[in-house]
């Protein structure tokens, strides 16, 4: 049961309709993929609207901004706010020709990081979908499942936590899937911070780089603007910003990253780097993105580095202007994940 509070009533039917309009399912697979749909259930939490569940994710795919993870502030505010209750939902798409029953979705939060592992997440709660119909040759079926527990962000990192969801289909899952949307089609990740700022305001937040290998590796952080289509879609999903999503103006902004503290030990061992190495030969994500290198350092084995992202909004910034930054970490030759930031001038 969701927390009761004084707020504008949120109509579930309207919310689902907005969800569908903002992130429509691609009814046809990409032209370069003519494989028949799988016979078994093939339940996917998409990393973007073109995702049909192919893993490892193709080169250039941004897997950490899933449109299938929805957060609604239950007070009616457009943003995620520390200490307030939020509804979490995950949209599941079944690309298989067999229905999925008793699908469990587990929801997690983690500190902002470009290398999230199963040891760095915190469990929030679960949701159960009794029946997800089979897809067809014309496209998948899709349904939304609610987390039974409302999420209340904590003050750590100003409430700018990452969210993940992992779907499990009984009988058809051989075992736990890795918490990596680039390797598992049943995992979705939303690493995005949408912040309201004023003209002339300074912005600062923390995000973590990590070396989850058992030997030292060079870590690099690459940064560039988010795709305009992604910005428009995320603004459309923020309450009170649908009009702005249609005519937003993105500005250029100088960002910088500093590391002001020494690396710290990771909370525990992880198999994620080994899983990435196993997929490496077939993983085209090994090349760095076409963006600027903003930070680089060799990290000791099993450590994480706290980084500070700085920006200063121009004094003359007009209300409605949007500034974006998409960060990606490269660990050795492998891209491990990323984080997105949207600054919206009010």
Protein backbone atom coordinates (compact mmCIF):
# COMPACT_ATOMS: atom_id res chain seq x y z
CA UNK A 1 0.00 0.00 0.00
CA UNK A 2 1.36 3.41 -0.92
CA UNK A 3 1.90 6.08 1.69
CA UNK A 4 -0.96 8.52 2.17
CA UNK A 5 -0.11 12.21 1.99
CA UNK A 6 -1.63 15.54 0.99
CA UNK A 7 -0.97 15.65 -2.72
CA UNK A 8 -2.54 16.02 -6.10
CA UNK A 9 -4.20 12.72 -6.90
CA UNK A 10 -2.17 10.69 -9.38
CA UNK A 11 -4.39 8.82 -11.79
CA UNK A 12 -2.82 5.44 -12.59
CA UNK A 13 -4.53 5.22 -15.99
CA UNK A 14 -3.25 8.65 -17.01
CA UNK A 15 0.22 7.78 -15.70
CA UNK A 16 0.29 4.56 -17.73
CA UNK A 17 -0.88 6.47 -20.82
CA UNK A 18 1.87 9.06 -20.36
CA UNK A 19 4.37 6.25 -19.91
CA UNK A 20 3.28 4.70 -23.22
CA UNK A 21 3.30 8.02 -25.10
CA UNK A 22 6.69 9.11 -23.82
CA UNK A 23 8.47 5.79 -24.32
CA UNK A 24 6.54 3.88 -27.01
CA UNK A 25 7.41 0.29 -27.71
CA UNK A 26 8.95 -0.33 -31.09
CA UNK A 27 6.46 -2.70 -32.61
CA UNK A 28 8.94 -3.93 -35.22
CA UNK A 29 12.51 -5.12 -34.48
CA UNK A 30 15.41 -3.26 -36.09
CA UNK A 31 15.90 -4.07 -39.77
CA UNK A 32 19.27 -5.67 -39.07
CA UNK A 33 17.69 -8.21 -36.71
CA UNK A 34 15.41 -10.66 -38.51
CA UNK A 35 15.51 -13.46 -35.92
CA UNK A 36 12.17 -15.07 -35.03
CA UNK A 37 10.82 -14.34 -31.53
CA UNK A 38 11.95 -16.84 -28.86
CA UNK A 39 9.53 -19.64 -27.95
CA UNK A 40 10.05 -19.28 -24.17
CA UNK A 41 9.17 -16.14 -22.21
CA UNK A 42 11.68 -13.42 -23.03
CA UNK A 43 11.06 -10.73 -20.42
CA UNK A 44 13.07 -7.56 -21.02
CA UNK A 45 13.56 -4.33 -19.08
CA UNK A 46 14.70 -2.14 -21.95
CA UNK A 47 17.66 0.25 -21.81
CA UNK A 48 16.02 2.38 -24.52
CA UNK A 49 12.99 2.20 -26.80
CA UNK A 50 14.87 0.28 -29.51
CA UNK A 51 16.06 -2.49 -27.16
CA UNK A 52 14.77 -5.97 -28.08
CA UNK A 53 16.84 -7.85 -25.52
CA UNK A 54 20.07 -8.56 -27.41
CA UNK A 55 22.95 -8.96 -24.94
CA UNK A 56 25.74 -8.02 -24.63
CA UNK A 57 24.38 -4.60 -25.58
CA UNK A 58 25.61 -3.31 -28.94
CA UNK A 59 28.37 -0.74 -29.22
CA UNK A 60 27.35 2.81 -28.37
CA UNK A 61 24.30 1.72 -26.37
CA UNK A 62 23.62 3.83 -23.27
CA UNK A 63 22.34 1.16 -20.91
CA UNK A 64 22.08 3.21 -17.70
CA UNK A 65 19.11 5.46 -18.66
CA UNK A 66 16.32 2.90 -18.89
CA UNK A 67 12.92 4.35 -19.85
CA UNK A 68 11.27 1.35 -18.21
CA UNK A 69 12.00 2.48 -14.64
CA UNK A 70 9.48 5.06 -13.48
CA UNK A 71 9.69 7.13 -10.30
CA UNK A 72 6.73 9.23 -9.12
CA UNK A 73 7.01 11.63 -6.19
CA UNK A 74 3.82 10.97 -4.22
CA UNK A 75 3.63 14.57 -3.05
CA UNK A 76 3.08 15.72 -6.64
CA UNK A 77 6.51 17.38 -6.95
CA UNK A 78 8.27 16.92 -10.33
CA UNK A 79 11.59 15.81 -8.84
CA UNK A 80 13.01 13.14 -6.55
CA UNK A 81 13.26 14.74 -3.10
CA UNK A 82 15.08 13.44 -0.02
CA UNK A 83 12.77 12.20 2.73
CA UNK A 84 9.61 12.08 0.60
CA UNK A 85 7.82 8.90 -0.54
CA UNK A 86 8.14 7.85 -4.18
CA UNK A 87 6.36 5.18 -6.16
CA UNK A 88 8.60 2.84 -8.15
CA UNK A 89 7.40 1.01 -11.24
CA UNK A 90 9.05 -1.19 -13.84
CA UNK A 91 7.75 -1.88 -17.29
CA UNK A 92 8.26 -5.44 -18.53
CA UNK A 93 8.17 -6.43 -22.20
CA UNK A 94 7.73 -10.05 -23.24
CA UNK A 95 9.33 -10.65 -26.63
CA UNK A 96 8.79 -14.41 -26.36
CA UNK A 97 5.92 -16.48 -27.72
CA UNK A 98 5.12 -18.00 -24.31
CA UNK A 99 3.50 -16.13 -21.41
CA UNK A 100 5.43 -15.45 -18.22
CA UNK A 101 3.76 -16.15 -14.88
CA UNK A 102 4.58 -15.02 -11.34
CA UNK A 103 7.28 -12.64 -12.51
CA UNK A 104 9.05 -11.07 -9.54
CA UNK A 105 10.75 -7.70 -9.88
CA UNK A 106 13.25 -6.63 -7.20
CA UNK A 107 14.05 -2.93 -6.84
CA UNK A 108 17.34 -1.51 -5.54
CA UNK A 109 19.07 1.82 -4.97
CA UNK A 110 22.78 2.57 -5.01
CA UNK A 111 25.02 5.55 -4.53
CA UNK A 112 25.75 7.36 -7.82
CA UNK A 113 28.36 5.24 -9.54
CA UNK A 114 29.59 4.36 -13.01
CA UNK A 115 30.34 0.78 -11.93
CA UNK A 116 27.48 -0.62 -9.86
CA UNK A 117 27.83 -4.21 -8.64
CA UNK A 118 25.67 -6.60 -6.63
CA UNK A 119 27.63 -5.68 -3.49
CA UNK A 120 26.98 -1.93 -3.76
CA UNK A 121 23.18 -1.96 -3.99
CA UNK A 122 20.51 -1.64 -1.30
CA UNK A 123 17.26 -3.58 -1.53
CA UNK A 124 14.06 -1.49 -1.55
CA UNK A 125 11.27 -3.99 -2.16
CA UNK A 126 9.64 -6.26 -4.73
CA UNK A 127 6.63 -6.38 -6.99
CA UNK A 128 4.85 -9.41 -8.43
CA UNK A 129 3.24 -9.66 -11.85
CA UNK A 130 0.92 -12.71 -11.92
CA UNK A 131 0.73 -12.96 -15.71
CA UNK A 132 2.55 -11.31 -18.61
CA UNK A 133 1.01 -12.35 -21.93
CA UNK A 134 3.06 -13.77 -24.75
CA UNK A 135 4.40 -11.49 -27.42
CA UNK A 136 3.86 -12.07 -31.12
CA UNK A 137 5.69 -11.71 -34.40
CA UNK A 138 4.46 -8.10 -34.59
CA UNK A 139 5.87 -7.07 -31.23
CA UNK A 140 6.09 -7.74 -27.49
CA UNK A 141 3.43 -7.56 -24.85
CA UNK A 142 4.08 -5.08 -22.05
CA UNK A 143 2.82 -4.45 -18.52
CA UNK A 144 3.85 -2.27 -15.58
CA UNK A 145 4.51 -3.70 -12.12
CA UNK A 146 4.56 -1.63 -8.92
CA UNK A 147 7.08 -2.01 -6.13
CA UNK A 148 5.10 -2.93 -3.01
CA UNK A 149 7.30 -0.63 -0.92
CA UNK A 150 7.49 3.11 -1.47
CA UNK A 151 11.02 4.44 -1.80
CA UNK A 152 12.14 7.26 0.50
CA UNK A 153 15.54 8.60 -0.67
CA UNK A 154 18.04 9.21 2.12
CA UNK A 155 20.21 12.31 2.44
CA UNK A 156 23.36 10.46 1.41
CA UNK A 157 24.61 12.11 -1.81
CA UNK A 158 21.72 14.57 -1.58
CA UNK A 159 19.25 11.85 -2.55
CA UNK A 160 20.77 11.44 -6.01
CA UNK A 161 20.80 7.65 -5.89
CA UNK A 162 20.79 5.23 -8.82
CA UNK A 163 17.87 2.85 -9.24
CA UNK A 164 17.89 -0.71 -10.55
CA UNK A 165 15.29 -3.39 -11.14
CA UNK A 166 15.77 -7.09 -11.85
CA UNK A 167 13.03 -9.38 -13.14
CA UNK A 168 12.96 -13.12 -12.38
CA UNK A 169 10.80 -15.62 -14.24
CA UNK A 170 10.39 -18.87 -12.24
CA UNK A 171 11.18 -22.15 -14.02
CA UNK A 172 12.83 -20.39 -16.95
CA UNK A 173 15.65 -18.70 -15.02
CA UNK A 174 18.62 -20.95 -14.32
CA UNK A 175 19.94 -18.67 -11.57
CA UNK A 176 20.42 -15.05 -10.53
CA UNK A 177 21.31 -12.75 -13.40
CA UNK A 178 24.09 -10.14 -12.99
CA UNK A 179 22.98 -6.64 -11.99
CA UNK A 180 24.28 -5.25 -15.27
CA UNK A 181 21.87 -4.05 -17.98
CA UNK A 182 24.64 -4.41 -20.55
CA UNK A 183 24.85 -8.16 -19.87
CA UNK A 184 21.33 -9.05 -18.74
CA UNK A 185 18.10 -8.13 -20.53
CA UNK A 186 16.15 -8.63 -17.29
CA UNK A 187 17.94 -5.77 -15.51
CA UNK A 188 17.12 -2.10 -15.88
CA UNK A 189 19.16 0.79 -14.52
CA UNK A 190 18.26 4.44 -14.10
CA UNK A 191 21.31 6.56 -13.28
CA UNK A 192 19.92 10.04 -13.82
CA UNK A 193 19.79 13.22 -11.76
CA UNK A 194 17.34 15.94 -12.88
CA UNK A 195 17.97 19.13 -10.93
CA UNK A 196 16.28 22.53 -10.95
CA UNK A 197 18.83 25.36 -10.91
CA UNK A 198 18.81 29.15 -11.12
CA UNK A 199 20.82 31.37 -13.44
CA UNK A 200 24.29 31.91 -12.00
CA UNK A 201 24.00 28.96 -9.61
CA UNK A 202 26.91 26.62 -8.94
CA UNK A 203 26.21 22.90 -9.12
CA UNK A 204 28.10 20.08 -7.43
CA UNK A 205 27.40 16.41 -6.90
CA UNK A 206 29.33 13.24 -6.13
CA UNK A 207 29.63 10.19 -8.34
CA UNK A 208 31.92 7.19 -7.97
CA UNK A 209 34.37 5.45 -10.25
CA UNK A 210 35.35 1.91 -9.29
CA UNK A 211 37.83 -0.84 -10.04
CA UNK A 212 36.09 -4.13 -9.26
CA UNK A 213 38.95 -6.24 -10.65
CA UNK A 214 41.46 -8.02 -8.42
CA UNK A 215 44.40 -6.14 -9.93
CA UNK A 216 45.13 -2.43 -10.59
CA UNK A 217 43.57 -0.95 -13.71
CA UNK A 218 43.51 2.42 -15.42
CA UNK A 219 40.12 4.12 -14.98
CA UNK A 220 38.95 6.89 -17.28
CA UNK A 221 35.78 8.97 -17.21
CA UNK A 222 34.42 10.30 -20.49
CA UNK A 223 31.82 13.05 -20.68
CA UNK A 224 29.56 14.52 -23.35
CA UNK A 225 26.07 15.83 -23.90
CA UNK A 226 23.06 13.57 -23.63
CA UNK A 227 21.16 12.79 -26.80
CA UNK A 228 18.43 15.37 -27.53
CA UNK A 229 15.85 12.59 -27.90
CA UNK A 230 16.71 11.29 -24.44
CA UNK A 231 16.46 14.77 -22.93
CA UNK A 232 13.04 15.34 -24.49
CA UNK A 233 11.73 12.00 -23.25
CA UNK A 234 12.98 12.47 -19.69
CA UNK A 235 11.52 15.97 -19.48
CA UNK A 236 8.21 14.61 -20.75
CA UNK A 237 8.17 12.11 -17.89
CA UNK A 238 8.68 14.83 -15.26
CA UNK A 239 5.41 16.17 -13.88
CA UNK A 240 4.79 19.75 -15.00
CA UNK A 241 7.49 19.66 -17.71
CA UNK A 242 5.63 18.11 -20.66
CA UNK A 243 5.35 21.40 -22.52
CA UNK A 244 9.00 22.19 -21.94
CA UNK A 245 9.94 18.81 -23.40
CA UNK A 246 8.59 19.88 -26.78
CA UNK A 247 10.55 23.13 -27.13
CA UNK A 248 13.49 22.87 -24.74
CA UNK A 249 16.73 24.65 -25.59
CA UNK A 250 19.96 22.97 -24.61
CA UNK A 251 22.86 25.19 -23.69
CA UNK A 252 26.61 24.61 -23.61
CA UNK A 253 28.16 24.36 -20.17
CA UNK A 254 31.66 23.81 -18.84
CA UNK A 255 31.87 20.78 -16.57
CA UNK A 256 34.86 19.52 -14.62
CA UNK A 257 35.65 16.56 -12.35
CA UNK A 258 37.95 16.50 -9.34
CA UNK A 259 39.08 13.70 -7.02
CA UNK A 260 39.61 15.25 -3.59
CA UNK A 261 39.91 12.10 -1.48
CA UNK A 262 41.98 8.88 -1.76
CA UNK A 263 40.36 5.69 -3.11
CA UNK A 264 38.38 3.55 -0.65
CA UNK A 265 37.91 -0.24 -0.52
CA UNK A 266 34.86 -1.64 -2.27
CA UNK A 267 32.25 -3.14 0.07
CA UNK A 268 32.88 -6.73 -1.04
CA UNK A 269 34.01 -9.12 -3.78
CA UNK A 270 32.10 -9.21 -7.04
CA UNK A 271 31.98 -11.46 -10.09
CA UNK A 272 31.02 -8.63 -12.42
CA UNK A 273 34.48 -7.99 -13.88
CA UNK A 274 34.91 -11.72 -14.60
CA UNK A 275 31.51 -11.75 -16.32
CA UNK A 276 32.50 -8.74 -18.39
CA UNK A 277 35.77 -10.40 -19.41
CA UNK A 278 33.87 -13.52 -20.50
CA UNK A 279 31.68 -11.35 -22.72
CA UNK A 280 34.53 -9.12 -23.86
CA UNK A 281 35.38 -10.89 -27.13
CA UNK A 282 31.82 -10.41 -28.35
CA UNK A 283 31.27 -7.06 -26.64
CA UNK A 284 31.65 -4.09 -29.01
CA UNK A 285 31.34 -1.63 -26.10
CA UNK A 286 35.10 -1.88 -25.53
CA UNK A 287 35.81 1.37 -27.42
CA UNK A 288 35.52 4.66 -25.52
CA UNK A 289 32.56 6.86 -26.39
CA UNK A 290 32.99 9.82 -28.71
CA UNK A 291 33.30 12.37 -25.97
CA UNK A 292 35.88 14.22 -23.91
CA UNK A 293 38.07 12.51 -21.34
CA UNK A 294 37.38 14.34 -18.08
CA UNK A 295 39.36 12.29 -15.56
CA UNK A 296 41.90 9.44 -15.56
CA UNK A 297 43.79 7.57 -12.85
CA UNK A 298 45.04 4.08 -12.08
CA UNK A 299 42.88 2.60 -9.34
CA UNK A 300 44.15 -0.10 -6.97
CA UNK A 301 42.40 -3.47 -7.01
CA UNK A 302 38.90 -3.55 -5.50
CA UNK A 303 38.66 0.17 -4.76
CA UNK A 304 36.34 3.03 -5.61
CA UNK A 305 37.11 6.70 -6.12
CA UNK A 306 34.73 9.45 -5.04
CA UNK A 307 34.59 12.13 -7.74
CA UNK A 308 33.05 15.61 -7.59
CA UNK A 309 31.26 16.92 -10.67
CA UNK A 310 31.30 20.73 -10.87
CA UNK A 311 29.40 23.15 -13.10
CA UNK A 312 28.40 26.83 -13.02
CA UNK A 313 25.19 27.93 -14.72
CA UNK A 314 25.70 31.15 -16.72
CA UNK A 315 24.32 34.34 -15.20
CA UNK A 316 22.30 35.01 -18.32
CA UNK A 317 20.71 31.55 -18.55
CA UNK A 318 17.04 31.82 -19.43
CA UNK A 319 14.30 29.87 -17.65
CA UNK A 320 13.70 26.62 -19.51
CA UNK A 321 17.29 26.19 -20.63
CA UNK A 322 18.61 22.66 -20.17
CA UNK A 323 22.21 21.58 -19.62
CA UNK A 324 23.15 17.90 -19.84
CA UNK A 325 26.10 15.67 -19.11
CA UNK A 326 26.45 11.97 -19.81
CA UNK A 327 29.39 10.32 -18.02
CA UNK A 328 30.83 6.89 -18.80
CA UNK A 329 33.61 5.00 -17.05
CA UNK A 330 36.14 2.95 -18.95
CA UNK A 331 38.00 0.41 -16.82
CA UNK A 332 40.94 -0.93 -18.77
CA UNK A 333 39.38 -1.66 -22.16
CA UNK A 334 35.82 -2.13 -20.87
CA UNK A 335 33.01 0.40 -20.44
CA UNK A 336 31.42 -0.36 -17.07
CA UNK A 337 28.48 2.06 -16.95
CA UNK A 338 27.63 5.70 -16.60
CA UNK A 339 25.55 8.47 -15.12
CA UNK A 340 23.41 11.25 -16.59
CA UNK A 341 22.79 14.77 -15.26
CA UNK A 342 20.12 17.25 -16.42
CA UNK A 343 20.17 20.81 -15.11
CA UNK A 344 16.89 22.64 -15.79
CA UNK A 345 16.91 26.43 -15.31
CA UNK A 346 13.86 27.80 -13.46
